[in-house]
Amino acid sequence: MLPTIPTTTGRPDRLTSILGARLSWHFANGWVFEPAIVGPDIVDYTLKEGPHAGRHAIQHFYYQRVAPGVETTVWYEESGALVHITWYLETQTVHRFAALPAWLAEDMTVYRGDNQDPAFIEKIRKLSSQRQDWPRHILNDEGYFRVI
């Protein structure tokens, strides 16, 4: 259970921080994360649409408020993927920069599963130890979110 953090300006659709928000989060390539719940130091998400739809993960992140209305989160996933999100609160848009291991980018369906499941983690660790990491596949794209 995530703590209650005041994140709105009195309007549920106007955030003052991404922390504590429950979102529907979309990227141009068709990926939809819903729900995506941003806690004080984690993001808990389920991929509803996209190449690895059905994936559930809880990722521990680093957070920084860059400027009023602009925040960043960055995390390192169990696959070795590095994900950095810049959140623009006023426009409810995001910029994603992610570096995916070559083996994961080749077949994202292997990422379907739950990173809280030890069997899933074992599978991902085995793939990462046996398959090629380089060259990294870069995601450098834009998206949007809405509060749900």
C-alpha atoms as a PDB file:
ATOM      1  CA  MET A   1       0.000   0.000   0.000  1.00  0.00           C
ATOM      2  CA  LEU A   2       1.424   3.348  -1.038  1.00  0.00           C
ATOM      3  CA  PRO A   3       1.333   6.272   1.380  1.00  0.00           C
ATOM      4  CA  THR A   4      -1.042   9.119   0.603  1.00  0.00           C
ATOM      5  CA  ILE A   5       0.946  12.026  -0.810  1.00  0.00           C
ATOM      6  CA  PRO A   6      -0.868  15.225  -1.793  1.00  0.00           C
ATOM      7  CA  THR A   7      -0.161  15.574  -5.500  1.00  0.00           C
ATOM      8  CA  THR A   8      -2.888  17.789  -6.854  1.00  0.00           C
ATOM      9  CA  THR A   9      -3.728  21.468  -6.813  1.00  0.00           C
ATOM     10  CA  GLY A  10      -7.293  20.746  -5.736  1.00  0.00           C
ATOM     11  CA  ARG A  11      -8.194  19.467  -9.206  1.00  0.00           C
ATOM     12  CA  PRO A  12      -7.623  15.713  -9.583  1.00  0.00           C
ATOM     13  CA  ASP A  13      -6.312  16.233 -13.119  1.00  0.00           C
ATOM     14  CA  ARG A  14      -3.703  18.892 -12.188  1.00  0.00           C
ATOM     15  CA  LEU A  15      -0.622  17.452 -10.464  1.00  0.00           C
ATOM     16  CA  THR A  16       1.918  19.321  -8.394  1.00  0.00           C
ATOM     17  CA  SER A  17       4.126  16.205  -8.200  1.00  0.00           C
ATOM     18  CA  ILE A  18       4.237  12.849  -9.941  1.00  0.00           C
ATOM     19  CA  LEU A  19       4.803  11.228  -6.531  1.00  0.00           C
ATOM     20  CA  GLY A  20       1.630   9.562  -5.289  1.00  0.00           C
ATOM     21  CA  ALA A  21      -0.102   9.631  -8.680  1.00  0.00           C
ATOM     22  CA  ARG A  22      -2.112   6.804 -10.226  1.00  0.00           C
ATOM     23  CA  LEU A  23      -1.854   7.033 -14.008  1.00  0.00           C
ATOM     24  CA  SER A  24      -2.727   5.741 -17.408  1.00  0.00           C
ATOM     25  CA  TRP A  25       0.580   6.264 -19.209  1.00  0.00           C
ATOM     26  CA  HIS A  26       0.917   6.100 -23.014  1.00  0.00           C
ATOM     27  CA  PHE A  27       3.750   6.111 -25.565  1.00  0.00           C
ATOM     28  CA  ALA A  28       3.536   6.727 -29.312  1.00  0.00           C
ATOM     29  CA  ASN A  29       4.738   3.209 -30.108  1.00  0.00           C
ATOM     30  CA  GLY A  30       1.501   1.825 -28.629  1.00  0.00           C
ATOM     31  CA  TRP A  31       2.723   0.977 -25.152  1.00  0.00           C
ATOM     32  CA  VAL A  32       0.093   1.640 -22.473  1.00  0.00           C
ATOM     33  CA  PHE A  33       0.902   1.276 -18.790  1.00  0.00           C
ATOM     34  CA  GLU A  34      -2.238   1.058 -16.667  1.00  0.00           C
ATOM     35  CA  PRO A  35      -2.273   1.396 -13.849  1.00  0.00           C
ATOM     36  CA  ALA A  36       1.074   3.041 -13.192  1.00  0.00           C
ATOM     37  CA  ILE A  37       1.287   4.026  -9.549  1.00  0.00           C
ATOM     38  CA  VAL A  38       4.153   6.324  -8.629  1.00  0.00           C
ATOM     39  CA  GLY A  39       5.135   6.085  -4.980  1.00  0.00           C
ATOM     40  CA  PRO A  40       7.757   7.992  -3.044  1.00  0.00           C
ATOM     41  CA  ASP A  41      10.546   5.732  -4.349  1.00  0.00           C
ATOM     42  CA  ILE A  42       8.875   3.103  -6.578  1.00  0.00           C
ATOM     43  CA  VAL A  43       6.782   2.824  -9.687  1.00  0.00           C
ATOM     44  CA  ASP A  44       4.331  -0.082  -9.748  1.00  0.00           C
ATOM     45  CA  TYR A  45       3.076  -0.676 -13.277  1.00  0.00           C
ATOM     46  CA  THR A  46       1.267  -3.114 -15.508  1.00  0.00           C
ATOM     47  CA  LEU A  47       1.777  -2.987 -19.249  1.00  0.00           C
ATOM     48  CA  LYS A  48      -1.743  -3.134 -20.695  1.00  0.00           C
ATOM     49  CA  GLU A  49      -0.746  -2.797 -24.383  1.00  0.00           C
ATOM     50  CA  GLY A  50       2.541  -3.235 -26.201  1.00  0.00           C
ATOM     51  CA  PRO A  51       5.051  -5.939 -27.093  1.00  0.00           C
ATOM     52  CA  HIS A  52       5.229  -7.327 -23.566  1.00  0.00           C
ATOM     53  CA  ALA A  53       1.613  -6.693 -22.511  1.00  0.00           C
ATOM     54  CA  GLY A  54       0.845  -8.398 -19.247  1.00  0.00           C
ATOM     55  CA  ARG A  55       4.130  -7.453 -17.618  1.00  0.00           C
ATOM     56  CA  HIS A  56       3.837  -6.283 -14.026  1.00  0.00           C
ATOM     57  CA  ALA A  57       6.781  -4.703 -12.255  1.00  0.00           C
ATOM     58  CA  ILE A  58       7.700  -2.750  -9.200  1.00  0.00           C
ATOM     59  CA  GLN A  59      10.813  -0.690  -9.871  1.00  0.00           C
ATOM     60  CA  HIS A  60      12.734   1.282  -7.253  1.00  0.00           C
ATOM     61  CA  PHE A  61      13.748   4.638  -8.689  1.00  0.00           C
ATOM     62  CA  TYR A  62      15.763   7.763  -8.095  1.00  0.00           C
ATOM     63  CA  TYR A  63      13.744  10.970  -8.165  1.00  0.00           C
ATOM     64  CA  GLN A  64      14.606  14.607  -8.796  1.00  0.00           C
ATOM     65  CA  ARG A  65      12.484  17.738  -9.094  1.00  0.00           C
ATOM     66  CA  VAL A  66      14.347  19.559 -11.855  1.00  0.00           C
ATOM     67  CA  ALA A  67      12.193  22.705 -11.884  1.00  0.00           C
ATOM     68  CA  PRO A  68       8.639  23.615 -10.896  1.00  0.00           C
ATOM     69  CA  GLY A  69       6.415  21.184 -12.797  1.00  0.00           C
ATOM     70  CA  VAL A  70       9.327  19.128 -14.169  1.00  0.00           C
ATOM     71  CA  GLU A  71      10.420  15.935 -12.413  1.00  0.00           C
ATOM     72  CA  THR A  72      12.564  12.947 -13.352  1.00  0.00           C
ATOM     73  CA  THR A  73      12.672   9.321 -12.331  1.00  0.00           C
ATOM     74  CA  VAL A  74      15.312   6.803 -13.327  1.00  0.00           C
ATOM     75  CA  TRP A  75      15.627   3.097 -12.599  1.00  0.00           C
ATOM     76  CA  TYR A  76      17.621   0.012 -13.487  1.00  0.00           C
ATOM     77  CA  GLU A  77      15.513  -3.038 -14.362  1.00  0.00           C
ATOM     78  CA  GLU A  78      16.200  -6.699 -13.681  1.00  0.00           C
ATOM     79  CA  SER A  79      17.039  -7.186 -17.377  1.00  0.00           C
ATOM     80  CA  GLY A  80      19.762  -4.556 -17.186  1.00  0.00           C
ATOM     81  CA  ALA A  81      17.585  -1.978 -18.952  1.00  0.00           C
ATOM     82  CA  LEU A  82      18.081   1.591 -17.797  1.00  0.00           C
ATOM     83  CA  VAL A  83      14.946   3.784 -17.920  1.00  0.00           C
ATOM     84  CA  HIS A  84      14.824   7.564 -17.453  1.00  0.00           C
ATOM     85  CA  ILE A  85      11.520   9.457 -17.524  1.00  0.00           C
ATOM     86  CA  THR A  86      11.114  13.231 -17.487  1.00  0.00           C
ATOM     87  CA  TRP A  87       7.615  14.183 -16.315  1.00  0.00           C
ATOM     88  CA  TYR A  88       6.115  17.503 -17.480  1.00  0.00           C
ATOM     89  CA  LEU A  89       3.246  17.978 -15.049  1.00  0.00           C
ATOM     90  CA  GLU A  90       1.474  20.978 -16.612  1.00  0.00           C
ATOM     91  CA  THR A  91       1.121  19.338 -20.048  1.00  0.00           C
ATOM     92  CA  GLN A  92       0.934  15.788 -18.630  1.00  0.00           C
ATOM     93  CA  THR A  93       3.581  14.647 -21.091  1.00  0.00           C
ATOM     94  CA  VAL A  94       6.756  12.620 -20.674  1.00  0.00           C
ATOM     95  CA  HIS A  95      10.058  12.063 -22.376  1.00  0.00           C
ATOM     96  CA  ARG A  96      11.529   8.560 -22.126  1.00  0.00           C
ATOM     97  CA  PHE A  97      15.137   7.614 -22.625  1.00  0.00           C
ATOM     98  CA  ALA A  98      15.789   3.916 -22.150  1.00  0.00           C
ATOM     99  CA  ALA A  99      18.670   1.642 -23.061  1.00  0.00           C
ATOM    100  CA  LEU A 100      17.529  -1.959 -23.519  1.00  0.00           C
ATOM    101  CA  PRO A 101      19.852  -4.966 -23.772  1.00  0.00           C
ATOM    102  CA  ALA A 102      20.092  -6.316 -27.325  1.00  0.00           C
ATOM    103  CA  TRP A 103      18.596  -9.672 -26.306  1.00  0.00           C
ATOM    104  CA  LEU A 104      15.522  -8.001 -24.805  1.00  0.00           C
ATOM    105  CA  ALA A 105      14.955  -5.652 -27.745  1.00  0.00           C
ATOM    106  CA  GLU A 106      15.118  -8.674 -30.071  1.00  0.00           C
ATOM    107  CA  ASP A 107      12.090 -10.302 -28.395  1.00  0.00           C
ATOM    108  CA  MET A 108      10.197  -8.212 -25.864  1.00  0.00           C
ATOM    109  CA  THR A 109       7.664 -11.015 -25.274  1.00  0.00           C
ATOM    110  CA  VAL A 110      10.164 -12.662 -22.893  1.00  0.00           C
ATOM    111  CA  TYR A 111       9.465  -9.756 -20.533  1.00  0.00           C
ATOM    112  CA  ARG A 112       5.845 -10.802 -19.972  1.00  0.00           C
ATOM    113  CA  GLY A 113       5.552 -11.767 -16.352  1.00  0.00           C
ATOM    114  CA  ASP A 114       5.895 -10.291 -12.896  1.00  0.00           C
ATOM    115  CA  ASN A 115       9.192  -9.110 -11.470  1.00  0.00           C
ATOM    116  CA  GLN A 116       7.915 -10.025  -8.016  1.00  0.00           C
ATOM    117  CA  ASP A 117       7.847 -13.703  -9.092  1.00  0.00           C
ATOM    118  CA  PRO A 118      11.135 -15.528  -8.319  1.00  0.00           C
ATOM    119  CA  ALA A 119      10.675 -17.839 -11.340  1.00  0.00           C
ATOM    120  CA  PHE A 120      10.385 -14.818 -13.646  1.00  0.00           C
ATOM    121  CA  ILE A 121      13.517 -13.238 -12.152  1.00  0.00           C
ATOM    122  CA  GLU A 122      15.395 -16.520 -12.611  1.00  0.00           C
ATOM    123  CA  LYS A 123      14.336 -16.667 -16.280  1.00  0.00           C
ATOM    124  CA  ILE A 124      15.454 -13.070 -16.914  1.00  0.00           C
ATOM    125  CA  ARG A 125      18.808 -13.594 -15.147  1.00  0.00           C
ATOM    126  CA  LYS A 126      19.426 -16.710 -17.227  1.00  0.00           C
ATOM    127  CA  LEU A 127      18.634 -14.863 -20.480  1.00  0.00           C
ATOM    128  CA  SER A 128      20.836 -11.930 -19.514  1.00  0.00           C
ATOM    129  CA  SER A 129      23.753 -14.233 -18.709  1.00  0.00           C
ATOM    130  CA  GLN A 130      23.441 -16.201 -21.965  1.00  0.00           C
ATOM    131  CA  ARG A 131      22.472 -13.547 -24.514  1.00  0.00           C
ATOM    132  CA  GLN A 132      24.171 -10.487 -25.938  1.00  0.00           C
ATOM    133  CA  ASP A 133      23.779  -7.181 -24.129  1.00  0.00           C
ATOM    134  CA  TRP A 134      25.306  -4.964 -26.821  1.00  0.00           C
ATOM    135  CA  PRO A 135      24.470  -3.021 -28.880  1.00  0.00           C
ATOM    136  CA  ARG A 136      21.846  -1.463 -26.665  1.00  0.00           C
ATOM    137  CA  HIS A 137      18.494  -0.584 -28.234  1.00  0.00           C
ATOM    138  CA  ILE A 138      17.691   3.053 -27.459  1.00  0.00           C
ATOM    139  CA  LEU A 139      14.160   4.311 -26.842  1.00  0.00           C
ATOM    140  CA  ASN A 140      14.127   8.101 -27.075  1.00  0.00           C
ATOM    141  CA  ASP A 141      10.488   9.073 -27.376  1.00  0.00           C
ATOM    142  CA  GLU A 142       7.566  11.083 -26.073  1.00  0.00           C
ATOM    143  CA  GLY A 143       4.337  10.126 -24.392  1.00  0.00           C
ATOM    144  CA  TYR A 144       1.560  11.393 -22.196  1.00  0.00           C
ATOM    145  CA  PHE A 145      -0.288  10.429 -19.048  1.00  0.00           C
ATOM    146  CA  ARG A 146      -3.589  11.072 -17.395  1.00  0.00           C
ATOM    147  CA  VAL A 147      -4.591  10.704 -13.780  1.00  0.00           C
ATOM    148  CA  ILE A 148      -6.953   7.808 -13.074  1.00  0.00           C
END
